[in-house]
Amino acid sequence: MQLKTLLNGISGIIPDGISVKDFSMVAKTDTNTAERILEDLAKNQIGAKKDGMYFFSKGDKLKFALMTLRQGASIEEVSEKIDWKDFEGLVGEILRINDFAVVQNLVLTKPRMEIDIIGIKMGLAMLIDCKHWKKTSFSAMQTIVQKQIDRTKHYITKTPGAIAVPVIVTLYQDRVDFIKKVPIVPIHQFASFVDEFYGNLDQMKEIKA
């Protein structure tokens, strides 16, 4: 199956549902190939078939995008098909599956700061900054980490009694890394990171009043 066809098909991953015929038009391919792609996605738990239509949930577009990356697509090609909402949607979905209460795009004031995603469970808040597509140098990542630490401290001052851990989630990392005890987590490892989160807290920066 041509990689270009898969890349075109990313745009067809919509929550309202899409028919094989419409997906074939988006992917610029024949209906047999389109149906094969959609069936393969469903087998990989990306979307589901109902009454001849294929329906998708938050995060499915990014899951499909990550699949194309594994098959050889470039970041630049994929980034044209995906926006930041898809990225944050998948992060939030993984947290919810793991029984976290989720708050997205929380704006703090005086000074104004925005936190992409907060996951709260067992009295501990995970404050996440989602870095989507831009390749980042080590020095730039240090700045990103410090800014997230500052946001976390600001959140703590606004949330009496809270304990929080700053986290960065990115597309580019090959493995979980740490800067100033702040984990830098690749999106494809985020689910396992969340699953093991409480067992690895001693490695992370906890911030409290």
N, C-alpha and C. Protein backbone atom coordinates (compact mmCIF):
# COMPACT_ATOMS: atom_id res chain seq x y z
N MET A 1 0.84 -1.19 0.00
CA MET A 1 0.00 0.00 0.00
C MET A 1 0.89 1.25 0.00
N GLN A 2 0.59 2.20 -0.86
CA GLN A 2 1.43 3.37 -0.98
C GLN A 2 1.33 4.27 0.25
N LEU A 3 2.50 4.74 0.70
CA LEU A 3 2.55 5.60 1.87
C LEU A 3 1.78 6.90 1.64
N LYS A 4 1.84 7.41 0.41
CA LYS A 4 1.13 8.65 0.09
C LYS A 4 -0.38 8.49 0.29
N THR A 5 -0.91 7.31 -0.03
CA THR A 5 -2.33 7.04 0.16
C THR A 5 -2.69 7.09 1.64
N LEU A 6 -1.84 6.48 2.47
CA LEU A 6 -2.08 6.50 3.92
C LEU A 6 -2.04 7.92 4.46
N LEU A 7 -1.06 8.71 4.00
CA LEU A 7 -0.94 10.09 4.45
C LEU A 7 -2.19 10.89 4.07
N ASN A 8 -2.66 10.71 2.85
CA ASN A 8 -3.89 11.39 2.43
C ASN A 8 -5.07 10.97 3.31
N GLY A 9 -5.08 9.70 3.69
CA GLY A 9 -6.19 9.16 4.46
C GLY A 9 -6.30 9.71 5.86
N ILE A 10 -5.23 10.28 6.40
CA ILE A 10 -5.27 10.85 7.75
C ILE A 10 -6.39 11.88 7.87
N SER A 11 -6.58 12.65 6.82
CA SER A 11 -7.61 13.70 6.85
C SER A 11 -9.02 13.13 6.92
N GLY A 12 -9.17 11.85 6.62
CA GLY A 12 -10.48 11.21 6.66
C GLY A 12 -10.85 10.64 8.01
N ILE A 13 -9.97 10.78 8.99
CA ILE A 13 -10.24 10.25 10.33
C ILE A 13 -11.04 11.31 11.09
N ILE A 14 -12.37 11.21 10.98
CA ILE A 14 -13.25 12.22 11.57
C ILE A 14 -14.25 11.54 12.52
N PRO A 15 -14.64 12.22 13.61
CA PRO A 15 -15.51 11.59 14.61
C PRO A 15 -16.93 11.33 14.13
N ASP A 16 -17.41 12.11 13.18
CA ASP A 16 -18.81 11.96 12.72
C ASP A 16 -19.02 10.73 11.84
N GLY A 17 -17.95 10.07 11.46
CA GLY A 17 -18.07 8.88 10.64
C GLY A 17 -17.86 9.18 9.17
N ILE A 18 -17.33 8.19 8.46
CA ILE A 18 -17.06 8.37 7.03
C ILE A 18 -17.33 7.05 6.30
N SER A 19 -17.85 7.15 5.10
CA SER A 19 -18.11 5.96 4.29
C SER A 19 -16.85 5.56 3.54
N VAL A 20 -16.84 4.33 3.06
CA VAL A 20 -15.70 3.86 2.27
C VAL A 20 -15.51 4.74 1.04
N LYS A 21 -16.62 5.09 0.40
CA LYS A 21 -16.54 5.91 -0.82
C LYS A 21 -15.91 7.28 -0.53
N ASP A 22 -16.39 7.92 0.55
CA ASP A 22 -15.86 9.25 0.89
C ASP A 22 -14.39 9.16 1.31
N PHE A 23 -14.06 8.08 2.03
CA PHE A 23 -12.67 7.92 2.45
C PHE A 23 -11.77 7.70 1.23
N SER A 24 -12.26 6.98 0.24
CA SER A 24 -11.47 6.74 -0.97
C SER A 24 -11.19 8.05 -1.70
N MET A 25 -12.15 8.98 -1.64
CA MET A 25 -11.95 10.28 -2.28
C MET A 25 -10.90 11.10 -1.52
N VAL A 26 -10.96 11.05 -0.19
CA VAL A 26 -9.98 11.78 0.63
C VAL A 26 -8.58 11.21 0.42
N ALA A 27 -8.51 9.87 0.43
CA ALA A 27 -7.21 9.19 0.29
C ALA A 27 -6.72 9.14 -1.15
N LYS A 28 -7.60 9.55 -2.08
CA LYS A 28 -7.26 9.55 -3.51
C LYS A 28 -6.85 8.16 -3.97
N THR A 29 -7.76 7.21 -3.70
CA THR A 29 -7.50 5.82 -4.09
C THR A 29 -8.83 5.16 -4.45
N ASP A 30 -8.79 3.90 -4.84
CA ASP A 30 -10.01 3.17 -5.19
C ASP A 30 -10.72 2.69 -3.92
N THR A 31 -11.98 2.30 -4.05
CA THR A 31 -12.78 1.93 -2.88
C THR A 31 -12.27 0.65 -2.22
N ASN A 32 -11.74 -0.29 -3.00
CA ASN A 32 -11.21 -1.52 -2.41
C ASN A 32 -10.03 -1.23 -1.48
N THR A 33 -9.12 -0.38 -1.95
CA THR A 33 -7.98 0.00 -1.11
C THR A 33 -8.44 0.78 0.11
N ALA A 34 -9.39 1.68 -0.08
CA ALA A 34 -9.92 2.47 1.03
C ALA A 34 -10.53 1.57 2.10
N GLU A 35 -11.31 0.58 1.67
CA GLU A 35 -11.94 -0.33 2.62
C GLU A 35 -10.88 -1.15 3.36
N ARG A 36 -9.85 -1.55 2.65
CA ARG A 36 -8.77 -2.33 3.28
C ARG A 36 -8.06 -1.50 4.36
N ILE A 37 -7.83 -0.23 4.06
CA ILE A 37 -7.20 0.66 5.05
C ILE A 37 -8.08 0.80 6.29
N LEU A 38 -9.37 1.05 6.07
CA LEU A 38 -10.29 1.23 7.19
C LEU A 38 -10.44 -0.04 8.02
N GLU A 39 -10.47 -1.19 7.36
CA GLU A 39 -10.56 -2.46 8.09
C GLU A 39 -9.29 -2.70 8.92
N ASP A 40 -8.14 -2.38 8.33
CA ASP A 40 -6.87 -2.54 9.06
C ASP A 40 -6.83 -1.63 10.28
N LEU A 41 -7.33 -0.41 10.12
CA LEU A 41 -7.37 0.52 11.25
C LEU A 41 -8.26 -0.03 12.37
N ALA A 42 -9.43 -0.52 11.99
CA ALA A 42 -10.36 -1.06 12.99
C ALA A 42 -9.74 -2.26 13.73
N LYS A 43 -9.01 -3.10 13.00
CA LYS A 43 -8.34 -4.24 13.64
C LYS A 43 -7.28 -3.79 14.64
N ASN A 44 -6.72 -2.60 14.39
CA ASN A 44 -5.71 -2.03 15.29
C ASN A 44 -6.33 -1.07 16.31
N GLN A 45 -7.65 -1.21 16.49
CA GLN A 45 -8.39 -0.41 17.47
C GLN A 45 -8.30 1.10 17.19
N ILE A 46 -8.26 1.43 15.92
CA ILE A 46 -8.35 2.82 15.49
C ILE A 46 -9.66 2.94 14.73
N GLY A 47 -10.69 3.40 15.40
CA GLY A 47 -12.01 3.49 14.80
C GLY A 47 -12.79 2.19 14.89
N ALA A 48 -14.06 2.26 14.52
CA ALA A 48 -14.93 1.08 14.55
C ALA A 48 -15.98 1.19 13.45
N LYS A 49 -16.37 0.04 12.91
CA LYS A 49 -17.35 0.00 11.84
C LYS A 49 -18.75 -0.18 12.41
N LYS A 50 -19.69 0.62 11.90
CA LYS A 50 -21.08 0.49 12.33
C LYS A 50 -21.99 0.89 11.19
N ASP A 51 -22.87 -0.01 10.81
CA ASP A 51 -23.84 0.24 9.74
C ASP A 51 -23.18 0.74 8.46
N GLY A 52 -22.04 0.15 8.12
CA GLY A 52 -21.36 0.48 6.88
C GLY A 52 -20.53 1.74 6.92
N MET A 53 -20.49 2.40 8.09
CA MET A 53 -19.69 3.61 8.26
C MET A 53 -18.56 3.32 9.26
N TYR A 54 -17.53 4.15 9.21
CA TYR A 54 -16.40 4.00 10.13
C TYR A 54 -16.33 5.26 11.01
N PHE A 55 -16.38 5.04 12.31
CA PHE A 55 -16.41 6.14 13.28
C PHE A 55 -15.12 6.16 14.09
N PHE A 56 -14.67 7.37 14.43
CA PHE A 56 -13.40 7.54 15.13
C PHE A 56 -13.58 8.41 16.37
N SER A 57 -12.71 8.22 17.35
CA SER A 57 -12.77 8.99 18.58
C SER A 57 -11.57 9.93 18.68
N LYS A 58 -11.55 10.75 19.72
CA LYS A 58 -10.42 11.66 19.93
C LYS A 58 -9.13 10.86 20.02
N GLY A 59 -8.13 11.32 19.35
CA GLY A 59 -6.84 10.64 19.40
C GLY A 59 -6.61 9.66 18.27
N ASP A 60 -7.69 9.23 17.59
CA ASP A 60 -7.51 8.24 16.52
C ASP A 60 -6.70 8.79 15.36
N LYS A 61 -6.88 10.08 15.06
CA LYS A 61 -6.12 10.65 13.95
C LYS A 61 -4.62 10.61 14.24
N LEU A 62 -4.26 10.93 15.49
CA LEU A 62 -2.84 10.90 15.84
C LEU A 62 -2.32 9.47 15.87
N LYS A 63 -3.13 8.53 16.32
CA LYS A 63 -2.71 7.13 16.31
C LYS A 63 -2.40 6.67 14.88
N PHE A 64 -3.26 7.07 13.95
CA PHE A 64 -3.04 6.74 12.54
C PHE A 64 -1.78 7.43 12.03
N ALA A 65 -1.59 8.70 12.43
CA ALA A 65 -0.40 9.43 12.02
C ALA A 65 0.87 8.75 12.51
N LEU A 66 0.86 8.29 13.76
CA LEU A 66 2.02 7.59 14.31
C LEU A 66 2.29 6.29 13.56
N MET A 67 1.21 5.65 13.11
CA MET A 67 1.36 4.43 12.32
C MET A 67 2.09 4.73 11.01
N THR A 68 1.74 5.85 10.37
CA THR A 68 2.41 6.20 9.11
C THR A 68 3.88 6.55 9.35
N LEU A 69 4.18 7.14 10.50
CA LEU A 69 5.58 7.43 10.83
C LEU A 69 6.38 6.14 10.94
N ARG A 70 5.78 5.14 11.59
CA ARG A 70 6.47 3.85 11.73
C ARG A 70 6.68 3.17 10.39
N GLN A 71 5.84 3.53 9.40
CA GLN A 71 5.97 2.92 8.08
C GLN A 71 6.85 3.75 7.14
N GLY A 72 7.46 4.81 7.68
CA GLY A 72 8.44 5.54 6.89
C GLY A 72 8.09 6.96 6.49
N ALA A 73 6.90 7.44 6.88
CA ALA A 73 6.55 8.82 6.56
C ALA A 73 7.43 9.77 7.38
N SER A 74 7.68 10.94 6.83
CA SER A 74 8.50 11.93 7.54
C SER A 74 7.62 12.76 8.46
N ILE A 75 8.26 13.35 9.48
CA ILE A 75 7.55 14.23 10.40
C ILE A 75 6.90 15.38 9.64
N GLU A 76 7.62 15.93 8.67
CA GLU A 76 7.11 17.06 7.91
C GLU A 76 5.83 16.69 7.16
N GLU A 77 5.81 15.50 6.56
CA GLU A 77 4.63 15.05 5.82
C GLU A 77 3.43 14.88 6.75
N VAL A 78 3.69 14.26 7.90
CA VAL A 78 2.61 13.98 8.84
C VAL A 78 2.09 15.25 9.49
N SER A 79 3.01 16.17 9.80
CA SER A 79 2.62 17.38 10.53
C SER A 79 1.61 18.22 9.75
N GLU A 80 1.64 18.11 8.43
CA GLU A 80 0.69 18.85 7.60
C GLU A 80 -0.74 18.32 7.76
N LYS A 81 -0.87 17.10 8.27
CA LYS A 81 -2.18 16.45 8.38
C LYS A 81 -2.78 16.51 9.79
N ILE A 82 -1.98 16.93 10.76
CA ILE A 82 -2.37 16.84 12.17
C ILE A 82 -2.28 18.22 12.82
N ASP A 83 -3.20 18.51 13.74
CA ASP A 83 -3.07 19.76 14.50
C ASP A 83 -2.89 19.47 15.98
N TRP A 84 -2.65 20.53 16.75
CA TRP A 84 -2.34 20.36 18.17
C TRP A 84 -3.51 19.76 18.94
N LYS A 85 -4.74 19.98 18.48
CA LYS A 85 -5.89 19.42 19.19
C LYS A 85 -5.89 17.90 19.15
N ASP A 86 -5.45 17.33 18.01
CA ASP A 86 -5.37 15.87 17.91
C ASP A 86 -4.36 15.32 18.91
N PHE A 87 -3.22 16.00 19.02
CA PHE A 87 -2.17 15.58 19.93
C PHE A 87 -2.67 15.63 21.37
N GLU A 88 -3.23 16.76 21.77
CA GLU A 88 -3.72 16.91 23.13
C GLU A 88 -4.90 15.98 23.40
N GLY A 89 -5.71 15.73 22.38
CA GLY A 89 -6.84 14.82 22.55
C GLY A 89 -6.40 13.43 22.92
N LEU A 90 -5.33 12.95 22.29
CA LEU A 90 -4.82 11.61 22.60
C LEU A 90 -4.24 11.56 24.01
N VAL A 91 -3.50 12.59 24.40
CA VAL A 91 -2.94 12.65 25.76
C VAL A 91 -4.06 12.61 26.80
N GLY A 92 -5.09 13.41 26.58
CA GLY A 92 -6.22 13.43 27.51
C GLY A 92 -6.94 12.10 27.56
N GLU A 93 -7.09 11.46 26.41
CA GLU A 93 -7.78 10.17 26.35
C GLU A 93 -7.02 9.10 27.13
N ILE A 94 -5.71 9.08 27.02
CA ILE A 94 -4.90 8.10 27.75
C ILE A 94 -5.04 8.30 29.26
N LEU A 95 -5.06 9.56 29.68
CA LEU A 95 -5.25 9.85 31.11
C LEU A 95 -6.61 9.36 31.59
N ARG A 96 -7.65 9.63 30.82
CA ARG A 96 -9.01 9.22 31.23
C ARG A 96 -9.12 7.71 31.32
N ILE A 97 -8.51 7.00 30.37
CA ILE A 97 -8.53 5.53 30.40
C ILE A 97 -7.90 5.01 31.69
N ASN A 98 -6.93 5.77 32.21
CA ASN A 98 -6.26 5.38 33.46
C ASN A 98 -6.88 6.05 34.69
N ASP A 99 -8.14 6.47 34.56
CA ASP A 99 -8.94 6.98 35.68
C ASP A 99 -8.44 8.29 36.27
N PHE A 100 -7.80 9.11 35.45
CA PHE A 100 -7.45 10.46 35.88
C PHE A 100 -8.61 11.40 35.55
N ALA A 101 -8.88 12.35 36.43
CA ALA A 101 -9.74 13.47 36.07
C ALA A 101 -8.91 14.40 35.19
N VAL A 102 -9.49 14.89 34.12
CA VAL A 102 -8.70 15.65 33.13
C VAL A 102 -9.26 17.06 32.96
N VAL A 103 -8.35 18.04 32.99
CA VAL A 103 -8.66 19.43 32.68
C VAL A 103 -7.76 19.84 31.53
N GLN A 104 -8.33 20.43 30.48
CA GLN A 104 -7.53 20.83 29.33
C GLN A 104 -7.53 22.35 29.16
N ASN A 105 -6.36 22.88 28.79
CA ASN A 105 -6.19 24.30 28.47
C ASN A 105 -6.64 25.21 29.62
N LEU A 106 -6.12 24.93 30.81
CA LEU A 106 -6.42 25.76 31.98
C LEU A 106 -5.59 27.05 31.92
N VAL A 107 -6.27 28.18 32.04
CA VAL A 107 -5.59 29.48 32.01
C VAL A 107 -5.48 30.02 33.44
N LEU A 108 -4.24 30.31 33.86
CA LEU A 108 -3.98 30.93 35.15
C LEU A 108 -3.71 32.41 34.92
N THR A 109 -3.98 33.22 35.92
CA THR A 109 -3.79 34.67 35.77
C THR A 109 -2.77 35.21 36.77
N LYS A 110 -2.29 36.40 36.49
CA LYS A 110 -1.39 37.17 37.38
C LYS A 110 -0.17 36.36 37.83
N PRO A 111 0.76 36.05 36.94
CA PRO A 111 0.76 36.32 35.49
C PRO A 111 -0.05 35.27 34.72
N ARG A 112 -0.39 35.62 33.49
CA ARG A 112 -1.18 34.70 32.67
C ARG A 112 -0.31 33.56 32.18
N MET A 113 -0.75 32.35 32.46
CA MET A 113 -0.07 31.15 31.97
C MET A 113 -1.14 30.13 31.59
N GLU A 114 -0.86 29.32 30.58
CA GLU A 114 -1.81 28.29 30.17
C GLU A 114 -1.17 26.91 30.31
N ILE A 115 -1.90 26.01 30.92
CA ILE A 115 -1.44 24.63 31.07
C ILE A 115 -2.23 23.77 30.09
N ASP A 116 -1.53 23.03 29.24
CA ASP A 116 -2.19 22.25 28.19
C ASP A 116 -3.16 21.24 28.78
N ILE A 117 -2.66 20.38 29.65
CA ILE A 117 -3.47 19.30 30.21
C ILE A 117 -3.07 19.05 31.66
N ILE A 118 -4.08 18.86 32.51
CA ILE A 118 -3.86 18.44 33.89
C ILE A 118 -4.58 17.12 34.11
N GLY A 119 -3.86 16.13 34.61
CA GLY A 119 -4.46 14.87 35.01
C GLY A 119 -4.36 14.74 36.52
N ILE A 120 -5.50 14.51 37.19
CA ILE A 120 -5.52 14.45 38.65
C ILE A 120 -6.03 13.09 39.12
N LYS A 121 -5.27 12.49 40.03
CA LYS A 121 -5.64 11.19 40.58
C LYS A 121 -4.95 11.00 41.93
N MET A 122 -5.70 10.52 42.90
CA MET A 122 -5.15 10.23 44.23
C MET A 122 -4.44 11.44 44.84
N GLY A 123 -5.02 12.63 44.62
CA GLY A 123 -4.49 13.83 45.24
C GLY A 123 -3.24 14.39 44.60
N LEU A 124 -2.86 13.86 43.45
CA LEU A 124 -1.65 14.31 42.77
C LEU A 124 -2.01 14.77 41.36
N ALA A 125 -1.49 15.92 40.96
CA ALA A 125 -1.77 16.47 39.63
C ALA A 125 -0.56 16.31 38.72
N MET A 126 -0.79 15.81 37.52
CA MET A 126 0.24 15.74 36.48
C MET A 126 -0.02 16.90 35.53
N LEU A 127 0.89 17.86 35.48
CA LEU A 127 0.73 19.03 34.63
C LEU A 127 1.56 18.84 33.36
N ILE A 128 0.87 18.78 32.22
CA ILE A 128 1.51 18.35 30.98
C ILE A 128 1.58 19.49 29.97
N ASP A 129 2.77 19.66 29.40
CA ASP A 129 2.98 20.56 28.27
C ASP A 129 3.19 19.69 27.04
N CYS A 130 2.33 19.84 26.04
CA CYS A 130 2.40 19.02 24.82
C CYS A 130 3.21 19.75 23.75
N LYS A 131 4.31 19.15 23.35
CA LYS A 131 5.13 19.70 22.27
C LYS A 131 4.89 18.84 21.03
N HIS A 132 4.32 19.47 20.01
CA HIS A 132 3.72 18.70 18.93
C HIS A 132 4.70 18.23 17.86
N TRP A 133 5.19 19.16 17.02
CA TRP A 133 5.93 18.71 15.84
C TRP A 133 7.33 19.28 15.72
N LYS A 134 7.59 20.39 16.33
CA LYS A 134 8.86 21.07 16.11
C LYS A 134 10.03 20.33 16.76
N LYS A 135 11.07 20.06 15.97
CA LYS A 135 12.28 19.46 16.53
C LYS A 135 12.93 20.46 17.49
N THR A 136 13.43 19.96 18.60
CA THR A 136 13.89 20.83 19.67
C THR A 136 15.29 20.45 20.12
N SER A 137 16.18 21.43 20.22
CA SER A 137 17.53 21.18 20.72
C SER A 137 17.50 20.97 22.23
N PHE A 138 18.59 20.46 22.77
CA PHE A 138 18.66 20.22 24.21
C PHE A 138 18.52 21.53 24.99
N SER A 139 19.18 22.57 24.53
CA SER A 139 19.11 23.85 25.24
C SER A 139 17.69 24.42 25.20
N ALA A 140 17.03 24.28 24.05
CA ALA A 140 15.65 24.75 23.95
C ALA A 140 14.74 23.94 24.86
N MET A 141 15.00 22.62 24.95
CA MET A 141 14.19 21.78 25.82
C MET A 141 14.39 22.15 27.28
N GLN A 142 15.61 22.57 27.66
CA GLN A 142 15.84 23.03 29.02
C GLN A 142 14.96 24.24 29.34
N THR A 143 14.82 25.14 28.37
CA THR A 143 13.97 26.32 28.55
C THR A 143 12.51 25.90 28.68
N ILE A 144 12.08 24.97 27.83
CA ILE A 144 10.71 24.45 27.88
C ILE A 144 10.41 23.83 29.24
N VAL A 145 11.37 23.05 29.74
CA VAL A 145 11.20 22.40 31.05
C VAL A 145 11.07 23.44 32.16
N GLN A 146 11.94 24.45 32.14
CA GLN A 146 11.88 25.48 33.19
C GLN A 146 10.55 26.22 33.16
N LYS A 147 10.04 26.49 31.96
CA LYS A 147 8.75 27.16 31.85
C LYS A 147 7.63 26.30 32.43
N GLN A 148 7.72 24.97 32.23
CA GLN A 148 6.69 24.10 32.79
C GLN A 148 6.82 24.01 34.31
N ILE A 149 8.03 24.05 34.81
CA ILE A 149 8.22 24.11 36.26
C ILE A 149 7.58 25.39 36.81
N ASP A 150 7.80 26.50 36.13
CA ASP A 150 7.22 27.78 36.56
C ASP A 150 5.69 27.73 36.53
N ARG A 151 5.12 27.11 35.49
CA ARG A 151 3.66 26.98 35.41
C ARG A 151 3.14 26.13 36.57
N THR A 152 3.88 25.07 36.87
CA THR A 152 3.46 24.17 37.95
C THR A 152 3.49 24.89 39.29
N LYS A 153 4.53 25.68 39.53
CA LYS A 153 4.61 26.45 40.78
C LYS A 153 3.45 27.46 40.86
N HIS A 154 3.13 28.07 39.73
CA HIS A 154 2.02 29.03 39.69
C HIS A 154 0.70 28.31 39.97
N TYR A 155 0.52 27.13 39.41
CA TYR A 155 -0.68 26.32 39.66
C TYR A 155 -0.81 26.01 41.15
N ILE A 156 0.30 25.67 41.78
CA ILE A 156 0.29 25.33 43.20
C ILE A 156 -0.15 26.53 44.05
N THR A 157 0.32 27.72 43.69
CA THR A 157 -0.07 28.91 44.45
C THR A 157 -1.56 29.20 44.31
N LYS A 158 -2.15 28.76 43.19
CA LYS A 158 -3.57 29.00 42.94
C LYS A 158 -4.45 27.84 43.44
N THR A 159 -3.83 26.75 43.86
CA THR A 159 -4.57 25.55 44.23
C THR A 159 -4.08 25.06 45.60
N PRO A 160 -4.61 25.62 46.68
CA PRO A 160 -4.15 25.28 48.02
C PRO A 160 -4.21 23.77 48.30
N GLY A 161 -3.10 23.26 48.85
CA GLY A 161 -3.05 21.85 49.21
C GLY A 161 -2.67 20.91 48.08
N ALA A 162 -2.50 21.46 46.89
CA ALA A 162 -2.19 20.61 45.73
C ALA A 162 -0.73 20.17 45.72
N ILE A 163 -0.50 19.00 45.15
CA ILE A 163 0.85 18.51 44.85
C ILE A 163 0.86 18.19 43.36
N ALA A 164 1.88 18.66 42.65
CA ALA A 164 1.89 18.52 41.19
C ALA A 164 3.25 18.11 40.66
N VAL A 165 3.22 17.44 39.54
CA VAL A 165 4.44 16.99 38.85
C VAL A 165 4.41 17.54 37.43
N PRO A 166 5.41 18.34 37.03
CA PRO A 166 5.48 18.82 35.65
C PRO A 166 5.96 17.71 34.71
N VAL A 167 5.35 17.64 33.53
CA VAL A 167 5.67 16.60 32.54
C VAL A 167 5.64 17.24 31.15
N ILE A 168 6.56 16.83 30.28
CA ILE A 168 6.55 17.24 28.87
C ILE A 168 6.25 16.00 28.03
N VAL A 169 5.28 16.12 27.11
CA VAL A 169 5.00 15.02 26.17
C VAL A 169 5.32 15.52 24.77
N THR A 170 6.11 14.74 24.04
CA THR A 170 6.57 15.17 22.72
C THR A 170 6.49 14.05 21.71
N LEU A 171 6.53 14.40 20.44
CA LEU A 171 6.52 13.40 19.37
C LEU A 171 7.92 12.86 19.11
N TYR A 172 8.95 13.66 19.41
CA TYR A 172 10.28 13.37 18.87
C TYR A 172 11.14 12.42 19.68
N GLN A 173 10.95 12.37 20.99
CA GLN A 173 11.83 11.56 21.81
C GLN A 173 11.76 10.08 21.42
N ASP A 174 12.88 9.38 21.55
CA ASP A 174 12.89 7.93 21.34
C ASP A 174 12.55 7.19 22.63
N ARG A 175 12.83 7.83 23.76
CA ARG A 175 12.61 7.18 25.06
C ARG A 175 12.33 8.27 26.10
N VAL A 176 11.85 7.83 27.27
CA VAL A 176 11.62 8.78 28.36
C VAL A 176 12.97 9.30 28.85
N ASP A 177 13.08 10.61 28.96
CA ASP A 177 14.31 11.24 29.45
C ASP A 177 13.93 12.22 30.55
N PHE A 178 14.93 12.76 31.25
CA PHE A 178 14.66 13.70 32.34
C PHE A 178 15.58 14.91 32.23
N ILE A 179 15.02 16.09 32.46
CA ILE A 179 15.78 17.31 32.63
C ILE A 179 15.27 17.96 33.91
N LYS A 180 16.16 18.19 34.87
CA LYS A 180 15.77 18.76 36.17
C LYS A 180 14.67 17.93 36.84
N LYS A 181 14.77 16.61 36.64
CA LYS A 181 13.81 15.65 37.21
C LYS A 181 12.42 15.78 36.59
N VAL A 182 12.32 16.49 35.48
CA VAL A 182 11.05 16.59 34.74
C VAL A 182 11.10 15.59 33.59
N PRO A 183 10.16 14.63 33.53
CA PRO A 183 10.18 13.63 32.46
C PRO A 183 9.79 14.21 31.11
N ILE A 184 10.56 13.85 30.08
CA ILE A 184 10.25 14.17 28.68
C ILE A 184 9.78 12.85 28.06
N VAL A 185 8.51 12.75 27.73
CA VAL A 185 7.91 11.46 27.37
C VAL A 185 7.49 11.46 25.91
N PRO A 186 7.97 10.50 25.11
CA PRO A 186 7.46 10.38 23.73
C PRO A 186 6.02 9.91 23.74
N ILE A 187 5.21 10.43 22.85
CA ILE A 187 3.78 10.13 22.86
C ILE A 187 3.52 8.63 22.74
N HIS A 188 4.37 7.90 22.00
CA HIS A 188 4.10 6.47 21.84
C HIS A 188 4.40 5.68 23.11
N GLN A 189 5.05 6.31 24.10
CA GLN A 189 5.31 5.64 25.38
C GLN A 189 4.49 6.25 26.52
N PHE A 190 3.62 7.19 26.18
CA PHE A 190 2.90 7.89 27.24
C PHE A 190 1.96 6.96 28.02
N ALA A 191 1.31 6.02 27.35
CA ALA A 191 0.39 5.12 28.05
C ALA A 191 1.13 4.30 29.11
N SER A 192 2.30 3.76 28.77
CA SER A 192 3.05 2.99 29.76
C SER A 192 3.60 3.90 30.85
N PHE A 193 3.97 5.14 30.50
CA PHE A 193 4.43 6.10 31.49
C PHE A 193 3.34 6.36 32.53
N VAL A 194 2.11 6.57 32.07
CA VAL A 194 0.99 6.83 32.97
C VAL A 194 0.71 5.60 33.84
N ASP A 195 0.78 4.44 33.24
CA ASP A 195 0.52 3.19 33.97
C ASP A 195 1.53 2.99 35.11
N GLU A 196 2.77 3.44 34.90
CA GLU A 196 3.82 3.25 35.89
C GLU A 196 4.12 4.52 36.69
N PHE A 197 3.28 5.54 36.52
CA PHE A 197 3.55 6.87 37.07
C PHE A 197 3.81 6.85 38.58
N TYR A 198 2.91 6.24 39.33
CA TYR A 198 3.03 6.29 40.79
C TYR A 198 4.19 5.46 41.31
N GLY A 199 4.59 4.46 40.57
CA GLY A 199 5.74 3.66 40.98
C GLY A 199 7.07 4.34 40.72
N ASN A 200 7.07 5.40 39.91
CA ASN A 200 8.32 6.08 39.54
C ASN A 200 8.40 7.52 40.06
N LEU A 201 7.53 7.87 41.01
CA LEU A 201 7.49 9.25 41.49
C LEU A 201 8.79 9.71 42.12
N ASP A 202 9.57 8.77 42.67
CA ASP A 202 10.83 9.16 43.33
C ASP A 202 11.83 9.75 42.33
N GLN A 203 11.62 9.48 41.01
CA GLN A 203 12.51 10.01 39.99
C GLN A 203 12.09 11.41 39.51
N MET A 204 10.90 11.84 39.92
CA MET A 204 10.31 13.06 39.34
C MET A 204 10.28 14.21 40.33
N LYS A 205 10.10 15.39 39.78
CA LYS A 205 10.05 16.62 40.56
C LYS A 205 8.64 16.87 41.06
N GLU A 206 8.41 16.68 42.34
CA GLU A 206 7.12 16.99 42.94
C GLU A 206 7.16 18.42 43.48
N ILE A 207 6.14 19.18 43.17
CA ILE A 207 6.07 20.57 43.63
C ILE A 207 4.83 20.73 44.48
N LYS A 208 5.02 21.29 45.67
CA LYS A 208 3.90 21.54 46.56
C LYS A 208 4.15 22.83 47.34
N ALA A 209 3.12 23.33 48.00
CA ALA A 209 3.24 24.60 48.73
C ALA A 209 4.23 24.45 49.89
